[in-house]
Amino acid sequence: MGETLLDRAAFNLEMAQYSLKKLNDGDERVLNVVGYQLQQAVELFIKHFLETESTGFPFSHDIDTLLDLLEEAETSVVLTDEIRALSGTLTLWEAKTRYVKDYLASKKSILYALNAVEDLFIKNGINVEKVKLTPTGAAATKHS
C-alpha cells in the first residue's frame, strides 16, 4: 500500500477539519473528536520524521517526549512555538477526549490548536487546506 505515518497524520488533520464542520449542528461533543484527531495528527507527524530521519520512535503518546526526541535527532522538521506551547494540551486530549465522561475540550483551544497544526504542516512543505470560520461560526476550507 505504501502508506506512511505522514499520510496518516495528514488524514487525521483532514478528519479534524471535516469533523469541526459538525459543530455547526450544535453538538459540542465534536470538539473532543477534533481534539483527539489533532493530537493524532501531531503524534504521527513527529513519528514519521523520527522513523525516516532518525532511529525510530518509542511507544508513547506524549507530545513533549516526542518533540524532545525530534529535536535531539536534528531532523529537518521546522517546529513552531505554537506546537511546543500546545504539547501538554495535545497530550491531555489524547486520553481525556476519549475516556473522561463529561469532559469537553474548549472550543477556543480547539480552534487555536487546529490553526497551529495546519501551520506546522504548511511550514514543513505539506499542502493542507486551512479551515476558516465564517461570521456565523460555520467552518469553511480554503487552499493554502
N, C-alpha and C. Protein backbone atom coordinates (compact mmCIF):
# COMPACT_ATOMS: atom_id res chain seq x y z
N MET A 1 0.83 -1.19 0.00
CA MET A 1 0.00 0.00 0.00
C MET A 1 0.87 1.25 0.00
N GLY A 2 2.00 1.25 0.73
CA GLY A 2 2.91 2.38 0.70
C GLY A 2 2.53 3.56 1.58
N GLU A 3 1.56 3.37 2.43
CA GLU A 3 1.14 4.47 3.31
C GLU A 3 2.24 4.76 4.35
N THR A 4 2.48 6.04 4.59
CA THR A 4 3.45 6.45 5.60
C THR A 4 2.72 7.01 6.82
N LEU A 5 3.47 7.19 7.88
CA LEU A 5 2.90 7.85 9.06
C LEU A 5 2.52 9.29 8.74
N LEU A 6 3.24 9.91 7.83
CA LEU A 6 2.89 11.27 7.42
C LEU A 6 1.55 11.29 6.69
N ASP A 7 1.29 10.26 5.89
CA ASP A 7 -0.02 10.14 5.23
C ASP A 7 -1.12 10.03 6.28
N ARG A 8 -0.87 9.22 7.30
CA ARG A 8 -1.87 9.06 8.37
C ARG A 8 -2.05 10.36 9.16
N ALA A 9 -0.94 11.06 9.39
CA ALA A 9 -1.01 12.34 10.10
C ALA A 9 -1.86 13.33 9.32
N ALA A 10 -1.62 13.43 8.02
CA ALA A 10 -2.39 14.35 7.18
C ALA A 10 -3.87 13.95 7.15
N PHE A 11 -4.14 12.65 7.14
CA PHE A 11 -5.53 12.19 7.16
C PHE A 11 -6.21 12.58 8.48
N ASN A 12 -5.50 12.45 9.60
CA ASN A 12 -6.08 12.85 10.88
C ASN A 12 -6.37 14.34 10.91
N LEU A 13 -5.49 15.15 10.35
CA LEU A 13 -5.75 16.58 10.27
C LEU A 13 -6.97 16.85 9.41
N GLU A 14 -7.04 16.18 8.27
CA GLU A 14 -8.20 16.34 7.39
C GLU A 14 -9.49 15.94 8.09
N MET A 15 -9.46 14.87 8.85
CA MET A 15 -10.66 14.43 9.58
C MET A 15 -11.02 15.40 10.70
N ALA A 16 -10.02 16.01 11.33
CA ALA A 16 -10.30 17.03 12.35
C ALA A 16 -11.02 18.21 11.70
N GLN A 17 -10.54 18.62 10.55
CA GLN A 17 -11.18 19.73 9.84
C GLN A 17 -12.61 19.36 9.43
N TYR A 18 -12.77 18.18 8.91
CA TYR A 18 -14.09 17.70 8.49
C TYR A 18 -15.03 17.60 9.69
N SER A 19 -14.53 17.05 10.78
CA SER A 19 -15.36 16.88 11.98
C SER A 19 -15.81 18.21 12.56
N LEU A 20 -14.95 19.21 12.45
CA LEU A 20 -15.29 20.52 13.01
C LEU A 20 -16.54 21.09 12.35
N LYS A 21 -16.76 20.73 11.11
CA LYS A 21 -17.95 21.21 10.41
C LYS A 21 -19.22 20.72 11.09
N LYS A 22 -19.15 19.59 11.81
CA LYS A 22 -20.31 19.04 12.52
C LYS A 22 -20.73 19.95 13.67
N LEU A 23 -19.79 20.78 14.14
CA LEU A 23 -20.11 21.72 15.21
C LEU A 23 -21.25 22.65 14.80
N ASN A 24 -21.40 22.86 13.51
CA ASN A 24 -22.48 23.71 13.01
C ASN A 24 -23.85 23.15 13.39
N ASP A 25 -23.93 21.85 13.65
CA ASP A 25 -25.19 21.23 14.04
C ASP A 25 -25.51 21.46 15.52
N GLY A 26 -24.61 22.12 16.24
CA GLY A 26 -24.85 22.44 17.64
C GLY A 26 -24.39 21.36 18.61
N ASP A 27 -23.73 20.33 18.14
CA ASP A 27 -23.27 19.25 19.01
C ASP A 27 -21.82 19.51 19.41
N GLU A 28 -21.61 20.05 20.60
CA GLU A 28 -20.27 20.42 21.04
C GLU A 28 -19.39 19.22 21.38
N ARG A 29 -19.97 18.02 21.46
CA ARG A 29 -19.16 16.83 21.71
C ARG A 29 -18.13 16.62 20.60
N VAL A 30 -18.41 17.18 19.45
CA VAL A 30 -17.48 17.05 18.33
C VAL A 30 -16.13 17.68 18.66
N LEU A 31 -16.09 18.62 19.60
CA LEU A 31 -14.82 19.24 19.98
C LEU A 31 -13.84 18.19 20.50
N ASN A 32 -14.34 17.20 21.23
CA ASN A 32 -13.47 16.13 21.72
C ASN A 32 -12.91 15.29 20.57
N VAL A 33 -13.73 15.03 19.59
CA VAL A 33 -13.29 14.26 18.42
C VAL A 33 -12.18 15.03 17.70
N VAL A 34 -12.40 16.32 17.51
CA VAL A 34 -11.41 17.16 16.83
C VAL A 34 -10.12 17.21 17.63
N GLY A 35 -10.22 17.37 18.95
CA GLY A 35 -9.03 17.40 19.81
C GLY A 35 -8.22 16.13 19.70
N TYR A 36 -8.90 14.99 19.73
CA TYR A 36 -8.20 13.71 19.61
C TYR A 36 -7.52 13.60 18.24
N GLN A 37 -8.23 13.98 17.18
CA GLN A 37 -7.66 13.87 15.84
C GLN A 37 -6.46 14.80 15.66
N LEU A 38 -6.51 15.98 16.28
CA LEU A 38 -5.37 16.89 16.20
C LEU A 38 -4.16 16.30 16.93
N GLN A 39 -4.40 15.68 18.07
CA GLN A 39 -3.31 15.05 18.81
C GLN A 39 -2.69 13.95 17.96
N GLN A 40 -3.53 13.14 17.33
CA GLN A 40 -3.03 12.06 16.50
C GLN A 40 -2.25 12.61 15.30
N ALA A 41 -2.72 13.69 14.72
CA ALA A 41 -2.03 14.29 13.58
C ALA A 41 -0.62 14.71 13.97
N VAL A 42 -0.47 15.34 15.12
CA VAL A 42 0.85 15.80 15.57
C VAL A 42 1.72 14.60 15.96
N GLU A 43 1.15 13.66 16.69
CA GLU A 43 1.92 12.48 17.10
C GLU A 43 2.47 11.74 15.89
N LEU A 44 1.64 11.48 14.92
CA LEU A 44 2.07 10.73 13.74
C LEU A 44 3.01 11.54 12.85
N PHE A 45 2.80 12.85 12.81
CA PHE A 45 3.70 13.74 12.08
C PHE A 45 5.12 13.61 12.66
N ILE A 46 5.24 13.73 13.97
CA ILE A 46 6.54 13.62 14.63
C ILE A 46 7.14 12.23 14.42
N LYS A 47 6.33 11.21 14.63
CA LYS A 47 6.83 9.84 14.50
C LYS A 47 7.30 9.53 13.08
N HIS A 48 6.68 10.15 12.09
CA HIS A 48 7.13 9.97 10.71
C HIS A 48 8.59 10.40 10.57
N PHE A 49 8.90 11.56 11.09
CA PHE A 49 10.26 12.08 10.95
C PHE A 49 11.25 11.33 11.83
N LEU A 50 10.79 10.87 12.99
CA LEU A 50 11.67 10.04 13.82
C LEU A 50 11.96 8.71 13.12
N GLU A 51 10.98 8.19 12.41
CA GLU A 51 11.15 6.93 11.69
C GLU A 51 12.03 7.08 10.46
N THR A 52 11.87 8.18 9.74
CA THR A 52 12.57 8.33 8.47
C THR A 52 13.91 9.06 8.57
N GLU A 53 14.10 9.86 9.62
CA GLU A 53 15.33 10.64 9.73
C GLU A 53 16.11 10.36 11.01
N SER A 54 15.70 9.33 11.73
CA SER A 54 16.37 9.02 13.00
C SER A 54 16.35 7.50 13.18
N THR A 55 16.43 7.08 14.43
CA THR A 55 16.49 5.64 14.73
C THR A 55 15.15 5.03 15.05
N GLY A 56 14.08 5.79 14.94
CA GLY A 56 12.75 5.27 15.24
C GLY A 56 12.11 6.05 16.37
N PHE A 57 11.02 5.51 16.88
CA PHE A 57 10.27 6.22 17.91
C PHE A 57 9.78 5.25 18.98
N PRO A 58 9.56 5.77 20.19
CA PRO A 58 9.05 4.92 21.26
C PRO A 58 7.53 4.80 21.18
N PHE A 59 7.02 3.81 21.88
CA PHE A 59 5.57 3.69 22.02
C PHE A 59 5.15 4.70 23.08
N SER A 60 4.84 5.89 22.64
CA SER A 60 4.45 6.97 23.54
C SER A 60 3.50 7.90 22.81
N HIS A 61 2.55 8.43 23.55
CA HIS A 61 1.63 9.42 23.00
C HIS A 61 1.98 10.81 23.51
N ASP A 62 3.01 10.90 24.35
CA ASP A 62 3.38 12.17 24.98
C ASP A 62 4.09 13.07 23.97
N ILE A 63 3.44 14.15 23.61
CA ILE A 63 3.97 15.05 22.59
C ILE A 63 5.26 15.72 23.05
N ASP A 64 5.36 16.10 24.32
CA ASP A 64 6.61 16.68 24.84
C ASP A 64 7.79 15.74 24.63
N THR A 65 7.61 14.49 25.00
CA THR A 65 8.66 13.49 24.85
C THR A 65 9.06 13.33 23.38
N LEU A 66 8.06 13.24 22.53
CA LEU A 66 8.33 13.06 21.10
C LEU A 66 9.01 14.30 20.49
N LEU A 67 8.60 15.48 20.92
CA LEU A 67 9.25 16.70 20.44
C LEU A 67 10.72 16.75 20.87
N ASP A 68 10.97 16.36 22.12
CA ASP A 68 12.36 16.32 22.61
C ASP A 68 13.20 15.37 21.76
N LEU A 69 12.67 14.20 21.47
CA LEU A 69 13.39 13.23 20.63
C LEU A 69 13.63 13.78 19.23
N LEU A 70 12.64 14.47 18.71
CA LEU A 70 12.74 15.05 17.38
C LEU A 70 13.86 16.10 17.33
N GLU A 71 13.92 16.94 18.35
CA GLU A 71 14.95 17.97 18.40
C GLU A 71 16.34 17.36 18.61
N GLU A 72 16.43 16.34 19.46
CA GLU A 72 17.71 15.66 19.69
C GLU A 72 18.23 14.99 18.42
N ALA A 73 17.32 14.49 17.61
CA ALA A 73 17.70 13.78 16.39
C ALA A 73 18.12 14.73 15.27
N GLU A 74 17.91 16.01 15.47
CA GLU A 74 18.28 17.02 14.47
C GLU A 74 17.70 16.70 13.09
N THR A 75 16.40 16.46 13.07
CA THR A 75 15.71 16.18 11.81
C THR A 75 15.48 17.48 11.04
N SER A 76 14.92 17.35 9.87
CA SER A 76 14.64 18.52 9.02
C SER A 76 13.36 19.24 9.40
N VAL A 77 12.65 18.78 10.39
CA VAL A 77 11.36 19.36 10.77
C VAL A 77 11.51 20.79 11.25
N VAL A 78 10.62 21.65 10.77
CA VAL A 78 10.54 23.02 11.25
C VAL A 78 9.43 23.03 12.31
N LEU A 79 9.82 23.15 13.57
CA LEU A 79 8.83 23.20 14.66
C LEU A 79 8.39 24.64 14.88
N THR A 80 7.18 24.79 15.35
CA THR A 80 6.66 26.11 15.64
C THR A 80 6.52 26.29 17.15
N ASP A 81 6.59 27.52 17.59
CA ASP A 81 6.42 27.82 19.01
C ASP A 81 5.03 27.40 19.49
N GLU A 82 4.04 27.52 18.61
CA GLU A 82 2.66 27.16 18.99
C GLU A 82 2.53 25.67 19.28
N ILE A 83 3.19 24.84 18.50
CA ILE A 83 3.10 23.40 18.74
C ILE A 83 3.78 23.05 20.05
N ARG A 84 4.93 23.65 20.30
CA ARG A 84 5.62 23.40 21.57
C ARG A 84 4.73 23.85 22.73
N ALA A 85 4.09 25.00 22.61
CA ALA A 85 3.22 25.51 23.68
C ALA A 85 2.00 24.63 23.88
N LEU A 86 1.52 24.01 22.82
CA LEU A 86 0.33 23.16 22.88
C LEU A 86 0.62 21.71 23.25
N SER A 87 1.87 21.34 23.38
CA SER A 87 2.22 19.93 23.54
C SER A 87 1.52 19.27 24.73
N GLY A 88 1.46 19.95 25.85
CA GLY A 88 0.78 19.38 27.02
C GLY A 88 -0.71 19.22 26.81
N THR A 89 -1.32 20.20 26.17
CA THR A 89 -2.76 20.14 25.89
C THR A 89 -3.06 19.01 24.92
N LEU A 90 -2.25 18.88 23.88
CA LEU A 90 -2.46 17.80 22.91
C LEU A 90 -2.35 16.44 23.58
N THR A 91 -1.36 16.28 24.44
CA THR A 91 -1.19 15.01 25.16
C THR A 91 -2.39 14.74 26.05
N LEU A 92 -2.87 15.76 26.72
CA LEU A 92 -4.05 15.64 27.58
C LEU A 92 -5.27 15.18 26.77
N TRP A 93 -5.43 15.77 25.59
CA TRP A 93 -6.57 15.40 24.75
C TRP A 93 -6.53 13.95 24.30
N GLU A 94 -5.34 13.38 24.18
CA GLU A 94 -5.22 12.00 23.72
C GLU A 94 -6.05 11.06 24.59
N ALA A 95 -6.07 11.28 25.88
CA ALA A 95 -6.82 10.40 26.77
C ALA A 95 -8.14 11.01 27.21
N LYS A 96 -8.12 12.26 27.62
CA LYS A 96 -9.34 12.85 28.19
C LYS A 96 -10.50 12.91 27.21
N THR A 97 -10.23 13.21 25.95
CA THR A 97 -11.32 13.35 25.00
C THR A 97 -12.00 12.03 24.69
N ARG A 98 -11.32 10.93 25.02
CA ARG A 98 -11.91 9.61 24.75
C ARG A 98 -12.47 8.95 25.99
N TYR A 99 -11.85 9.17 27.14
CA TYR A 99 -12.19 8.35 28.30
C TYR A 99 -12.86 9.07 29.46
N VAL A 100 -12.74 10.36 29.55
CA VAL A 100 -13.29 11.08 30.70
C VAL A 100 -14.71 11.53 30.38
N LYS A 101 -15.64 10.96 31.11
CA LYS A 101 -17.05 11.32 30.91
C LYS A 101 -17.25 12.78 31.29
N ASP A 102 -18.10 13.45 30.56
CA ASP A 102 -18.44 14.86 30.79
C ASP A 102 -17.28 15.81 30.55
N TYR A 103 -16.19 15.33 29.96
CA TYR A 103 -15.10 16.24 29.59
C TYR A 103 -15.45 16.87 28.25
N LEU A 104 -15.21 18.15 28.13
CA LEU A 104 -15.44 18.84 26.86
C LEU A 104 -14.27 19.77 26.60
N ALA A 105 -13.57 19.53 25.53
CA ALA A 105 -12.46 20.39 25.15
C ALA A 105 -12.99 21.79 24.84
N SER A 106 -12.21 22.78 25.15
CA SER A 106 -12.58 24.17 24.92
C SER A 106 -12.58 24.49 23.42
N LYS A 107 -13.65 25.12 22.96
CA LYS A 107 -13.75 25.50 21.55
C LYS A 107 -12.60 26.44 21.17
N LYS A 108 -12.29 27.37 22.03
CA LYS A 108 -11.20 28.32 21.77
C LYS A 108 -9.87 27.58 21.62
N SER A 109 -9.61 26.62 22.50
CA SER A 109 -8.37 25.84 22.44
C SER A 109 -8.32 24.98 21.19
N ILE A 110 -9.43 24.40 20.84
CA ILE A 110 -9.51 23.56 19.64
C ILE A 110 -9.20 24.38 18.40
N LEU A 111 -9.80 25.55 18.29
CA LEU A 111 -9.59 26.37 17.10
C LEU A 111 -8.15 26.87 17.03
N TYR A 112 -7.57 27.21 18.18
CA TYR A 112 -6.17 27.62 18.22
C TYR A 112 -5.27 26.46 17.80
N ALA A 113 -5.54 25.29 18.34
CA ALA A 113 -4.73 24.11 18.02
C ALA A 113 -4.87 23.74 16.55
N LEU A 114 -6.07 23.81 16.01
CA LEU A 114 -6.27 23.50 14.59
C LEU A 114 -5.40 24.39 13.73
N ASN A 115 -5.41 25.68 14.00
CA ASN A 115 -4.59 26.61 13.23
C ASN A 115 -3.10 26.29 13.39
N ALA A 116 -2.68 25.96 14.60
CA ALA A 116 -1.27 25.64 14.86
C ALA A 116 -0.84 24.37 14.13
N VAL A 117 -1.69 23.36 14.11
CA VAL A 117 -1.35 22.11 13.42
C VAL A 117 -1.31 22.34 11.91
N GLU A 118 -2.28 23.07 11.40
CA GLU A 118 -2.25 23.40 9.96
C GLU A 118 -0.95 24.12 9.61
N ASP A 119 -0.56 25.09 10.44
CA ASP A 119 0.67 25.85 10.19
C ASP A 119 1.90 24.95 10.25
N LEU A 120 1.92 24.00 11.19
CA LEU A 120 3.04 23.06 11.30
C LEU A 120 3.21 22.30 9.99
N PHE A 121 2.14 21.81 9.46
CA PHE A 121 2.19 21.05 8.20
C PHE A 121 2.66 21.95 7.06
N ILE A 122 2.09 23.13 6.96
CA ILE A 122 2.41 24.05 5.87
C ILE A 122 3.88 24.47 5.94
N LYS A 123 4.38 24.79 7.14
CA LYS A 123 5.78 25.21 7.28
C LYS A 123 6.76 24.10 6.96
N ASN A 124 6.26 22.88 6.91
CA ASN A 124 7.11 21.74 6.55
C ASN A 124 6.84 21.26 5.13
N GLY A 125 6.20 22.12 4.34
CA GLY A 125 6.00 21.83 2.92
C GLY A 125 4.91 20.84 2.61
N ILE A 126 4.02 20.62 3.55
CA ILE A 126 2.92 19.66 3.34
C ILE A 126 1.67 20.46 3.01
N ASN A 127 1.14 20.25 1.83
CA ASN A 127 -0.01 21.00 1.36
C ASN A 127 -1.27 20.55 2.08
N VAL A 128 -1.83 21.44 2.87
CA VAL A 128 -3.10 21.17 3.56
C VAL A 128 -4.01 22.37 3.36
N GLU A 129 -5.28 22.11 3.50
CA GLU A 129 -6.25 23.20 3.48
C GLU A 129 -6.32 23.81 4.86
N LYS A 130 -6.59 25.10 4.91
CA LYS A 130 -6.79 25.79 6.19
C LYS A 130 -8.29 25.98 6.38
N VAL A 131 -8.76 25.73 7.60
CA VAL A 131 -10.16 25.92 7.92
C VAL A 131 -10.33 27.33 8.46
N LYS A 132 -11.30 28.02 7.95
CA LYS A 132 -11.64 29.35 8.44
C LYS A 132 -13.09 29.30 8.90
N LEU A 133 -13.36 30.04 9.97
CA LEU A 133 -14.74 30.13 10.43
C LEU A 133 -15.39 31.36 9.83
N THR A 134 -16.59 31.17 9.34
CA THR A 134 -17.35 32.28 8.79
C THR A 134 -17.92 33.08 9.95
N PRO A 135 -18.45 34.28 9.69
CA PRO A 135 -19.05 35.09 10.77
C PRO A 135 -20.15 34.36 11.55
N THR A 136 -20.80 33.39 10.92
CA THR A 136 -21.85 32.64 11.61
C THR A 136 -21.29 31.47 12.43
N GLY A 137 -19.97 31.25 12.32
CA GLY A 137 -19.36 30.15 13.06
C GLY A 137 -19.23 28.88 12.25
N ALA A 138 -19.69 28.91 10.99
CA ALA A 138 -19.59 27.73 10.15
C ALA A 138 -18.16 27.56 9.68
N ALA A 139 -17.73 26.33 9.58
CA ALA A 139 -16.36 26.01 9.14
C ALA A 139 -16.33 25.96 7.62
N ALA A 140 -15.32 26.57 7.04
CA ALA A 140 -15.10 26.51 5.61
C ALA A 140 -13.63 26.27 5.37
N THR A 141 -13.28 25.67 4.25
CA THR A 141 -11.87 25.41 3.99
C THR A 141 -11.41 26.24 2.81
N LYS A 142 -10.13 26.55 2.81
CA LYS A 142 -9.54 27.20 1.65
C LYS A 142 -8.15 26.63 1.47
N HIS A 143 -7.69 26.55 0.24
CA HIS A 143 -6.35 26.03 -0.04
C HIS A 143 -5.32 27.05 0.38
N SER A 144 -4.22 26.54 0.89
CA SER A 144 -3.15 27.43 1.34
C SER A 144 -1.96 27.29 0.44
